[in-house]
Amino acid sequence: MADMDTKEQKAEQGSGAQGSALQAKPAGGADAATGAGKKLLQLSSSPHIATTASAATLMRNVLVALAPAAIFGCVMFGLPALLNIVVSIASAMIGEALFRRVLKQERRVKDLSAAVTGLLLALVIPPTTALWMTALGAIFAVVVVKEFFGGLGSNVFNPALSARAFLLMSFPATLAPSEWSKPFDATTAATPLNIIKQGGGIDAVASSFDGAADYAAVIKTLFIGNRGGSTGETSMLLILAGAAYLLATKTIDWRAPLAMIAAVAAGSLALGRDPLFGVLSGGALFGAVFMATDYTTAPLTAKGKLLFGAGAGLITVLIRKWGAFPEGVTYGLLIMNAFTPFLNKLLSRKYGYVSLFQNPLDFGTKSSKTRSKPGLSPKPMEAIPKAESPARVSEQPHAPQENPLASTQTGASGAKEAKR
């Protein structure tokens, strides 16, 4: 019983160390061998996943995957797009560093998370956005959306999408113009989704593209990306190339992107719109690949990721059809971010199952590895009645309960002796 109490006390002490690192020094004055103050043990909340990849490695993979779309946007839209990317990344990194310095927290510039946030924001806004607006949005993303909630890994909503929503509400004429800059040209034209929102059809979209005369030419133009739109959302080909790289490096999971794209296609078809045009014409593919796969704001379980992606795609289609804006990817993903904690709890993976016929007195000891009867599945720990729980047993040390397996074996042996 003393051993059990000691284990319970250690467990209580460990449970209070959620999300924090503790330093453990070896006994016997071994500081000279290991170095004083060196972290030997790090305690954090479950579940624990062993991996050699660091946050900086994952963020570097995302930057590499975004690079083709960013370069393509700079080539198409020229210097304004390049300046927006540089200002957004610099503002995000400097804003995060200054904020953490004021709070006397460890600066995390090296983990590249602020750089990823800045680049994502620059790629989902028009290339003609004023530079001070871009800087304001980047600072809002890293300081208000991320650092106010505890920093990397603690934010509830996607920082880049939250900043875009903030800019869209504050400056709707700039973030959602009726006319967008055309590639390699100083003129402007409506985006495909704007044309559809105004009541036009595929023919009207084809007339807005140079050299696109039929449906096949429209789809080809949308896939390659030679059209107006946000800096990094126009080329579906390069977005898919980035997705392939992230999947090959196991940086993202395929479930949420696939579910979101399938929901956009199915929803468009159900509402009488072309499903392929619905997937290629806006930011659905970019959001599915780079936003729906965010580690912090997306569910952890496989089923949760599928529901998350499907919900985001469905909300996107509904906003496109009946919303005030022609595009709904931003709000579709942000709304599902709010459902992420619920999905994690609803579809959480249970840990610590025990055998149905395990003796509660042996819980936590070597003898607790009692085999269950064949054909019976184990039950969770909470399924054991309170009278047989370890806590109630420890209160009555002088009244041990019989092991049902032991009593069954004793009865069987007694019957054999009676026959003899």
Protein backbone atom coordinates (compact mmCIF):
# COMPACT_ATOMS: atom_id res chain seq x y z
CA MET A 1 0.00 0.00 0.00
CA ALA A 2 2.88 2.34 0.70
CA ASP A 3 4.20 1.74 -2.79
CA MET A 4 0.76 2.52 -4.26
CA ASP A 5 0.50 5.76 -2.29
CA THR A 6 3.96 6.78 -3.43
CA LYS A 7 3.03 6.18 -7.06
CA GLU A 8 -0.19 8.15 -6.66
CA GLN A 9 1.69 11.09 -5.15
CA LYS A 10 4.18 11.08 -8.03
CA ALA A 11 1.35 10.94 -10.56
CA GLU A 12 -0.34 13.92 -8.92
CA GLN A 13 2.90 15.88 -9.04
CA GLY A 14 3.44 14.96 -12.71
CA SER A 15 -0.13 15.92 -13.71
CA GLY A 16 0.51 19.50 -12.67
CA ALA A 17 3.39 19.80 -15.12
CA GLN A 18 1.24 19.88 -18.26
CA GLY A 19 2.95 21.71 -21.09
CA SER A 20 6.03 22.55 -19.00
CA ALA A 21 9.57 21.23 -18.79
CA LEU A 22 11.08 20.19 -15.46
CA GLN A 23 14.77 19.84 -14.69
CA ALA A 24 15.80 16.70 -12.84
CA LYS A 25 19.24 16.51 -11.25
CA PRO A 26 20.83 13.12 -10.57
CA ALA A 27 21.56 12.18 -6.97
CA GLY A 28 25.06 11.76 -5.61
CA GLY A 29 26.48 15.05 -6.91
CA ALA A 30 26.59 13.97 -10.56
CA ASP A 31 26.21 17.53 -11.77
CA ALA A 32 29.87 17.64 -12.67
CA ALA A 33 29.44 14.74 -15.10
CA THR A 34 26.22 15.89 -16.79
CA GLY A 35 26.54 19.66 -16.46
CA ALA A 36 24.67 21.82 -13.99
CA GLY A 37 21.23 22.92 -15.08
CA LYS A 38 21.03 20.52 -18.03
CA LYS A 39 17.52 19.26 -18.85
CA LEU A 40 17.48 15.52 -18.25
CA LEU A 41 13.72 14.89 -18.08
CA GLN A 42 10.87 16.65 -19.82
CA LEU A 43 7.33 16.02 -18.66
CA SER A 44 4.29 16.94 -20.75
CA SER A 45 0.67 15.88 -21.17
CA SER A 46 -0.32 12.85 -23.24
CA PRO A 47 -0.50 11.61 -25.93
CA HIS A 48 3.22 11.29 -26.57
CA ILE A 49 4.41 10.70 -30.14
CA ALA A 50 8.07 9.88 -30.78
CA THR A 51 9.50 11.74 -33.74
CA THR A 52 12.81 13.25 -34.74
CA ALA A 53 11.16 16.16 -36.61
CA SER A 54 11.28 19.53 -34.89
CA ALA A 55 8.98 22.51 -35.31
CA ALA A 56 11.63 24.25 -37.40
CA THR A 57 11.88 21.23 -39.72
CA LEU A 58 8.11 21.12 -40.28
CA MET A 59 7.92 24.86 -40.89
CA ARG A 60 10.83 24.66 -43.32
CA ASN A 61 8.96 21.99 -45.28
CA VAL A 62 5.91 24.26 -45.48
CA LEU A 63 8.05 27.16 -46.72
CA VAL A 64 9.54 24.93 -49.42
CA ALA A 65 6.06 23.79 -50.48
CA LEU A 66 4.82 27.40 -50.66
CA ALA A 67 7.83 28.65 -52.62
CA PRO A 68 6.61 27.66 -56.15
CA ALA A 69 3.24 29.37 -55.70
CA ALA A 70 4.92 32.45 -54.20
CA ILE A 71 7.45 32.75 -57.04
CA PHE A 72 4.70 32.25 -59.63
CA GLY A 73 2.65 35.02 -58.00
CA CYS A 74 5.61 37.39 -58.09
CA VAL A 75 6.20 36.63 -61.75
CA MET A 76 2.56 37.21 -62.67
CA PHE A 77 1.76 40.26 -60.53
CA GLY A 78 5.22 41.84 -60.40
CA LEU A 79 6.79 44.04 -57.75
CA PRO A 80 3.62 44.68 -55.65
CA ALA A 81 3.28 40.95 -54.92
CA LEU A 82 6.97 40.64 -54.00
CA LEU A 83 6.84 43.65 -51.68
CA ASN A 84 3.75 42.30 -49.94
CA ILE A 85 5.48 38.98 -49.30
CA VAL A 86 8.62 40.64 -47.91
CA VAL A 87 6.68 43.08 -45.71
CA SER A 88 4.35 40.39 -44.40
CA ILE A 89 7.13 37.99 -43.40
CA ALA A 90 9.29 40.74 -41.87
CA SER A 91 6.37 42.23 -39.92
CA ALA A 92 5.34 38.84 -38.54
CA MET A 93 8.85 37.90 -37.40
CA ILE A 94 9.69 41.32 -35.94
CA GLY A 95 6.30 41.67 -34.27
CA GLU A 96 6.59 38.26 -32.59
CA ALA A 97 10.16 38.92 -31.43
CA LEU A 98 9.32 42.33 -29.95
CA PHE A 99 6.22 41.07 -28.20
CA ARG A 100 8.05 38.16 -26.59
CA ARG A 101 10.90 40.46 -25.60
CA VAL A 102 8.49 42.80 -23.82
CA LEU A 103 7.08 39.83 -21.91
CA LYS A 104 10.62 38.54 -21.23
CA GLN A 105 9.85 35.27 -23.00
CA GLU A 106 12.20 33.17 -25.07
CA ARG A 107 12.26 34.45 -28.65
CA ARG A 108 11.18 31.81 -31.18
CA VAL A 109 12.30 33.34 -34.46
CA LYS A 110 14.37 30.27 -35.30
CA ASP A 111 11.35 27.94 -35.37
CA LEU A 112 10.15 29.79 -38.54
CA SER A 113 6.48 29.71 -37.47
CA ALA A 114 6.18 33.50 -37.81
CA ALA A 115 7.73 33.33 -41.29
CA VAL A 116 5.16 30.72 -42.35
CA THR A 117 2.31 32.86 -40.99
CA GLY A 118 3.58 35.93 -42.81
CA LEU A 119 4.00 34.10 -46.11
CA LEU A 120 0.57 32.47 -45.87
CA LEU A 121 -1.06 35.83 -45.23
CA ALA A 122 0.70 37.45 -48.18
CA LEU A 123 -0.44 34.65 -50.49
CA VAL A 124 -4.15 34.86 -49.56
CA ILE A 125 -4.59 38.63 -50.04
CA PRO A 126 -4.67 40.65 -53.29
CA PRO A 127 -1.23 41.61 -54.62
CA THR A 128 -2.33 45.27 -54.71
CA THR A 129 -2.96 45.45 -50.95
CA ALA A 130 -1.36 48.49 -49.34
CA LEU A 131 1.87 47.58 -47.56
CA TRP A 132 0.78 49.10 -44.25
CA MET A 133 -2.36 46.95 -44.34
CA THR A 134 -0.24 43.87 -44.93
CA ALA A 135 2.03 44.78 -42.01
CA LEU A 136 -0.99 45.40 -39.76
CA GLY A 137 -2.47 42.02 -40.67
CA ALA A 138 0.81 40.17 -40.06
CA ILE A 139 1.25 41.75 -36.61
CA PHE A 140 -2.38 40.98 -35.77
CA ALA A 141 -1.83 37.34 -36.78
CA VAL A 142 1.23 36.65 -34.62
CA VAL A 143 0.46 38.89 -31.63
CA VAL A 144 -3.31 38.85 -31.17
CA VAL A 145 -4.26 35.50 -32.67
CA LYS A 146 -1.21 33.47 -31.56
CA GLU A 147 0.73 35.09 -28.71
CA PHE A 148 -2.33 36.32 -26.78
CA PHE A 149 -3.43 32.68 -26.52
CA GLY A 150 -0.08 31.38 -25.30
CA GLY A 151 2.14 31.25 -28.38
CA LEU A 152 2.96 28.47 -30.80
CA GLY A 153 0.67 25.48 -30.36
CA SER A 154 -1.88 27.28 -28.14
CA ASN A 155 -3.86 29.40 -30.60
CA VAL A 156 -7.46 28.44 -31.28
CA PHE A 157 -7.81 29.89 -34.78
CA ASN A 158 -5.52 29.84 -37.79
CA PRO A 159 -3.40 33.04 -37.55
CA ALA A 160 -3.14 33.78 -41.27
CA LEU A 161 -6.85 33.24 -41.93
CA SER A 162 -7.80 35.26 -38.84
CA ALA A 163 -5.66 38.14 -40.08
CA ARG A 164 -7.27 37.95 -43.51
CA ALA A 165 -10.73 38.00 -41.93
CA PHE A 166 -9.68 41.00 -39.82
CA LEU A 167 -8.46 42.89 -42.89
CA LEU A 168 -11.53 41.87 -44.89
CA MET A 169 -13.87 43.29 -42.25
CA SER A 170 -11.78 46.44 -41.80
CA PHE A 171 -11.00 47.17 -45.46
CA PRO A 172 -13.56 45.29 -47.61
CA ALA A 173 -12.99 47.43 -50.69
CA THR A 174 -9.30 46.49 -50.74
CA LEU A 175 -9.51 42.85 -49.72
CA ALA A 176 -12.58 41.96 -51.80
CA PRO A 177 -12.53 44.28 -54.82
CA SER A 178 -14.93 43.84 -57.68
CA GLU A 179 -12.00 44.18 -60.10
CA TRP A 180 -8.64 42.39 -59.60
CA SER A 181 -5.32 42.98 -61.30
CA LYS A 182 -4.75 40.81 -64.37
CA PRO A 183 -1.42 39.00 -64.76
CA PHE A 184 1.28 40.78 -66.79
CA ASP A 185 -1.07 43.73 -67.26
CA ALA A 186 -2.00 47.00 -65.59
CA THR A 187 -5.71 46.46 -66.29
CA THR A 188 -8.23 44.86 -63.94
CA ALA A 189 -10.95 42.25 -64.34
CA ALA A 190 -13.39 40.33 -62.17
CA THR A 191 -12.34 36.98 -60.78
CA PRO A 192 -14.21 33.83 -61.85
CA LEU A 193 -16.09 33.64 -58.54
CA ASN A 194 -17.03 37.32 -58.80
CA ILE A 195 -18.48 36.71 -62.24
CA ILE A 196 -20.51 33.73 -60.99
CA LYS A 197 -21.66 35.74 -57.95
CA GLN A 198 -22.95 38.48 -60.25
CA GLY A 199 -25.06 35.97 -62.18
CA GLY A 200 -22.69 35.14 -64.99
CA GLY A 201 -21.85 31.69 -66.33
CA ILE A 202 -18.90 29.78 -67.69
CA ASP A 203 -19.19 31.70 -70.96
CA ALA A 204 -18.77 34.99 -69.10
CA VAL A 205 -15.75 33.60 -67.32
CA ALA A 206 -14.26 32.47 -70.65
CA SER A 207 -14.68 35.94 -72.11
CA SER A 208 -12.71 37.43 -69.22
CA PHE A 209 -9.76 35.14 -69.97
CA ASP A 210 -7.48 35.94 -72.88
CA GLY A 211 -7.67 33.14 -75.43
CA ALA A 212 -10.20 31.00 -73.53
CA ALA A 213 -13.07 30.20 -75.87
CA ASP A 214 -14.67 27.08 -74.38
CA TYR A 215 -15.07 25.10 -71.16
CA ALA A 216 -11.84 23.12 -71.64
CA ALA A 217 -9.85 26.33 -72.11
CA VAL A 218 -11.39 27.81 -68.95
CA ILE A 219 -10.45 24.76 -66.87
CA LYS A 220 -6.93 24.80 -68.32
CA THR A 221 -6.51 28.49 -67.45
CA LEU A 222 -7.78 27.91 -63.92
CA PHE A 223 -5.44 24.94 -63.45
CA ILE A 224 -2.32 26.74 -64.68
CA GLY A 225 -3.19 30.01 -62.95
CA ASN A 226 -2.96 32.69 -65.64
CA ARG A 227 -5.80 34.74 -64.13
CA GLY A 228 -6.56 37.37 -61.51
CA GLY A 229 -6.82 36.53 -57.84
CA SER A 230 -4.83 36.41 -54.64
CA THR A 231 -1.07 36.15 -55.00
CA GLY A 232 -0.66 32.45 -54.20
CA GLU A 233 -4.09 30.98 -54.95
CA THR A 234 -4.20 31.12 -58.74
CA SER A 235 -2.05 28.17 -59.87
CA MET A 236 -3.66 24.86 -58.92
CA LEU A 237 -0.75 23.02 -60.54
CA LEU A 238 1.82 24.52 -58.17
CA ILE A 239 -0.45 24.10 -55.16
CA LEU A 240 -0.75 20.39 -55.95
CA ALA A 241 3.04 20.22 -56.34
CA GLY A 242 3.40 21.68 -52.86
CA ALA A 243 0.85 19.21 -51.53
CA ALA A 244 2.77 16.30 -53.04
CA TYR A 245 5.96 17.50 -51.36
CA LEU A 246 4.26 17.84 -47.95
CA LEU A 247 2.73 14.38 -48.27
CA ALA A 248 6.03 12.85 -49.37
CA THR A 249 7.82 14.35 -46.36
CA LYS A 250 4.92 13.31 -44.07
CA THR A 251 4.43 16.91 -43.00
CA ILE A 252 0.65 16.83 -43.49
CA ASP A 253 -2.10 14.23 -43.41
CA TRP A 254 -4.25 13.58 -46.49
CA ARG A 255 -7.63 13.27 -44.76
CA ALA A 256 -8.62 16.90 -44.13
CA PRO A 257 -7.59 18.20 -47.60
CA LEU A 258 -9.31 15.34 -49.42
CA ALA A 259 -12.49 15.68 -47.36
CA MET A 260 -12.62 19.43 -47.95
CA ILE A 261 -12.13 19.17 -51.72
CA ALA A 262 -14.71 16.38 -51.93
CA ALA A 263 -17.21 18.45 -49.93
CA VAL A 264 -16.68 21.50 -52.18
CA ALA A 265 -17.22 19.39 -55.30
CA ALA A 266 -20.26 17.57 -53.90
CA GLY A 267 -21.78 20.76 -52.52
CA SER A 268 -21.30 22.61 -55.80
CA LEU A 269 -22.93 19.77 -57.68
CA ALA A 270 -25.87 19.70 -55.25
CA LEU A 271 -26.42 23.44 -55.73
CA GLY A 272 -26.42 23.16 -59.52
CA ARG A 273 -22.88 24.40 -60.11
CA ASP A 274 -19.98 22.78 -61.91
CA PRO A 275 -17.97 20.80 -59.31
CA LEU A 276 -14.62 21.05 -61.11
CA PHE A 277 -15.06 24.78 -61.59
CA GLY A 278 -15.93 25.10 -57.88
CA VAL A 279 -12.69 23.41 -56.84
CA LEU A 280 -10.39 25.27 -59.24
CA SER A 281 -11.92 28.75 -59.34
CA GLY A 282 -11.14 30.06 -55.84
CA GLY A 283 -8.97 29.38 -52.83
CA ALA A 284 -10.49 26.03 -51.88
CA LEU A 285 -7.48 23.97 -52.94
CA PHE A 286 -4.98 26.33 -51.29
CA GLY A 287 -6.98 26.36 -48.07
CA ALA A 288 -7.36 22.58 -48.07
CA VAL A 289 -3.62 21.97 -48.48
CA PHE A 290 -2.06 24.69 -46.35
CA MET A 291 -4.78 25.79 -43.88
CA ALA A 292 -6.86 22.72 -43.09
CA THR A 293 -3.68 20.80 -42.19
CA ASP A 294 -2.56 23.20 -39.46
CA TYR A 295 -1.32 21.15 -36.48
CA THR A 296 -2.79 23.41 -33.80
CA THR A 297 -6.20 24.37 -35.15
CA ALA A 298 -7.20 21.07 -36.80
CA PRO A 299 -8.35 17.86 -35.04
CA LEU A 300 -5.87 15.16 -34.03
CA THR A 301 -7.86 12.02 -34.86
CA ALA A 302 -8.44 10.54 -38.30
CA LYS A 303 -12.23 10.78 -38.11
CA GLY A 304 -11.98 14.28 -36.70
CA LYS A 305 -9.87 15.40 -39.67
CA LEU A 306 -12.41 13.99 -42.11
CA LEU A 307 -15.29 15.79 -40.39
CA PHE A 308 -13.25 18.97 -40.15
CA GLY A 309 -12.47 19.03 -43.87
CA ALA A 310 -16.01 18.10 -44.88
CA GLY A 311 -17.48 20.83 -42.68
CA ALA A 312 -15.10 23.47 -44.02
CA GLY A 313 -15.90 22.52 -47.61
CA LEU A 314 -19.65 22.56 -47.01
CA ILE A 315 -19.57 25.99 -45.33
CA THR A 316 -17.43 27.31 -48.19
CA VAL A 317 -20.03 26.29 -50.76
CA LEU A 318 -22.90 27.74 -48.73
CA ILE A 319 -21.16 31.11 -48.39
CA ARG A 320 -20.37 31.15 -52.10
CA LYS A 321 -24.03 30.57 -52.87
CA TRP A 322 -25.82 32.79 -50.32
CA GLY A 323 -23.12 34.83 -48.57
CA ALA A 324 -22.20 38.45 -49.12
CA PHE A 325 -18.73 37.56 -50.42
CA PRO A 326 -17.99 35.45 -53.50
CA GLU A 327 -15.48 33.27 -51.59
CA GLY A 328 -16.08 31.43 -48.32
CA VAL A 329 -12.90 29.44 -47.64
CA THR A 330 -11.68 31.80 -44.92
CA TYR A 331 -14.83 31.65 -42.82
CA GLY A 332 -15.43 27.98 -43.54
CA LEU A 333 -12.07 27.05 -42.02
CA LEU A 334 -12.33 29.52 -39.11
CA ILE A 335 -15.76 28.20 -38.14
CA MET A 336 -14.44 24.65 -38.14
CA ASN A 337 -11.45 25.81 -36.05
CA ALA A 338 -13.99 26.60 -33.33
CA PHE A 339 -15.28 23.01 -33.54
CA THR A 340 -11.82 21.44 -33.23
CA PRO A 341 -11.84 21.03 -29.40
CA PHE A 342 -15.30 19.45 -29.62
CA LEU A 343 -14.18 17.04 -32.36
CA ASN A 344 -11.11 16.07 -30.32
CA LYS A 345 -13.26 15.22 -27.30
CA LEU A 346 -16.01 13.54 -29.31
CA LEU A 347 -13.66 11.32 -31.28
CA SER A 348 -10.79 11.08 -28.81
CA ARG A 349 -8.66 7.98 -28.55
CA LYS A 350 -8.93 6.25 -25.17
CA TYR A 351 -5.75 5.25 -23.36
CA GLY A 352 -5.21 2.91 -20.37
CA TYR A 353 -7.59 -0.03 -20.93
CA VAL A 354 -7.58 -2.78 -18.27
CA SER A 355 -8.76 -6.37 -18.33
CA LEU A 356 -12.34 -7.19 -17.36
CA PHE A 357 -11.23 -9.86 -14.87
CA GLN A 358 -8.24 -8.00 -13.47
CA ASN A 359 -8.07 -7.96 -9.67
CA PRO A 360 -8.32 -4.30 -8.54
CA LEU A 361 -5.93 -5.08 -5.64
CA ASP A 362 -3.21 -5.81 -8.18
CA PHE A 363 -3.73 -2.60 -10.17
CA GLY A 364 -0.39 -0.98 -10.96
CA THR A 365 1.71 -4.02 -9.91
CA LYS A 366 3.40 -6.82 -11.81
CA SER A 367 0.54 -9.20 -11.01
CA SER A 368 -1.90 -6.89 -12.81
CA LYS A 369 -1.08 -8.57 -16.14
CA THR A 370 -3.92 -11.05 -15.69
CA ARG A 371 -5.21 -12.53 -18.90
CA SER A 372 -8.87 -11.98 -19.70
CA LYS A 373 -11.15 -14.83 -20.68
CA PRO A 374 -11.16 -15.73 -24.37
CA GLY A 375 -13.87 -14.04 -26.37
CA LEU A 376 -14.34 -11.14 -23.93
CA SER A 377 -13.05 -7.70 -24.86
CA PRO A 378 -11.42 -5.51 -22.20
CA LYS A 379 -13.40 -2.66 -20.66
CA PRO A 380 -12.19 0.84 -19.84
CA MET A 381 -11.07 1.66 -16.31
CA GLU A 382 -14.15 3.79 -15.71
CA ALA A 383 -16.36 0.73 -16.29
CA ILE A 384 -15.14 -0.90 -13.04
CA PRO A 385 -17.68 -0.37 -10.19
CA LYS A 386 -16.71 2.11 -7.50
CA ALA A 387 -16.70 -0.59 -4.86
CA GLU A 388 -13.89 -2.35 -6.69
CA SER A 389 -11.86 0.70 -7.71
CA PRO A 390 -8.30 1.04 -6.35
CA ALA A 391 -9.19 4.21 -4.42
CA ARG A 392 -11.96 2.52 -2.40
CA VAL A 393 -9.82 -0.55 -1.74
CA SER A 394 -6.97 1.57 -0.37
CA GLU A 395 -9.37 3.04 2.21
CA GLN A 396 -10.05 -0.46 3.66
CA PRO A 397 -6.69 -2.24 3.81
CA HIS A 398 -7.95 -4.87 6.28
CA ALA A 399 -10.82 -6.05 4.06
CA PRO A 400 -9.22 -7.41 0.87
CA GLN A 401 -11.57 -8.76 -1.76
CA GLU A 402 -11.29 -12.15 -3.34
CA ASN A 403 -10.01 -12.58 -6.81
CA PRO A 404 -12.92 -14.09 -8.81
CA LEU A 405 -10.48 -16.16 -10.85
CA ALA A 406 -8.83 -17.51 -7.71
CA SER A 407 -12.16 -18.51 -6.16
CA THR A 408 -13.22 -20.25 -9.37
CA GLN A 409 -9.97 -22.20 -9.48
CA THR A 410 -10.31 -23.15 -5.77
CA GLY A 411 -13.86 -24.39 -6.33
CA ALA A 412 -12.81 -26.50 -9.28
CA SER A 413 -9.94 -28.10 -7.36
CA GLY A 414 -12.25 -28.83 -4.42
CA ALA A 415 -14.72 -30.60 -6.68
CA LYS A 416 -11.95 -32.81 -8.02
CA GLU A 417 -10.88 -33.79 -4.46
CA ALA A 418 -14.49 -34.68 -3.58
CA LYS A 419 -14.75 -37.02 -6.56
CA ARG A 420 -11.54 -38.78 -5.49
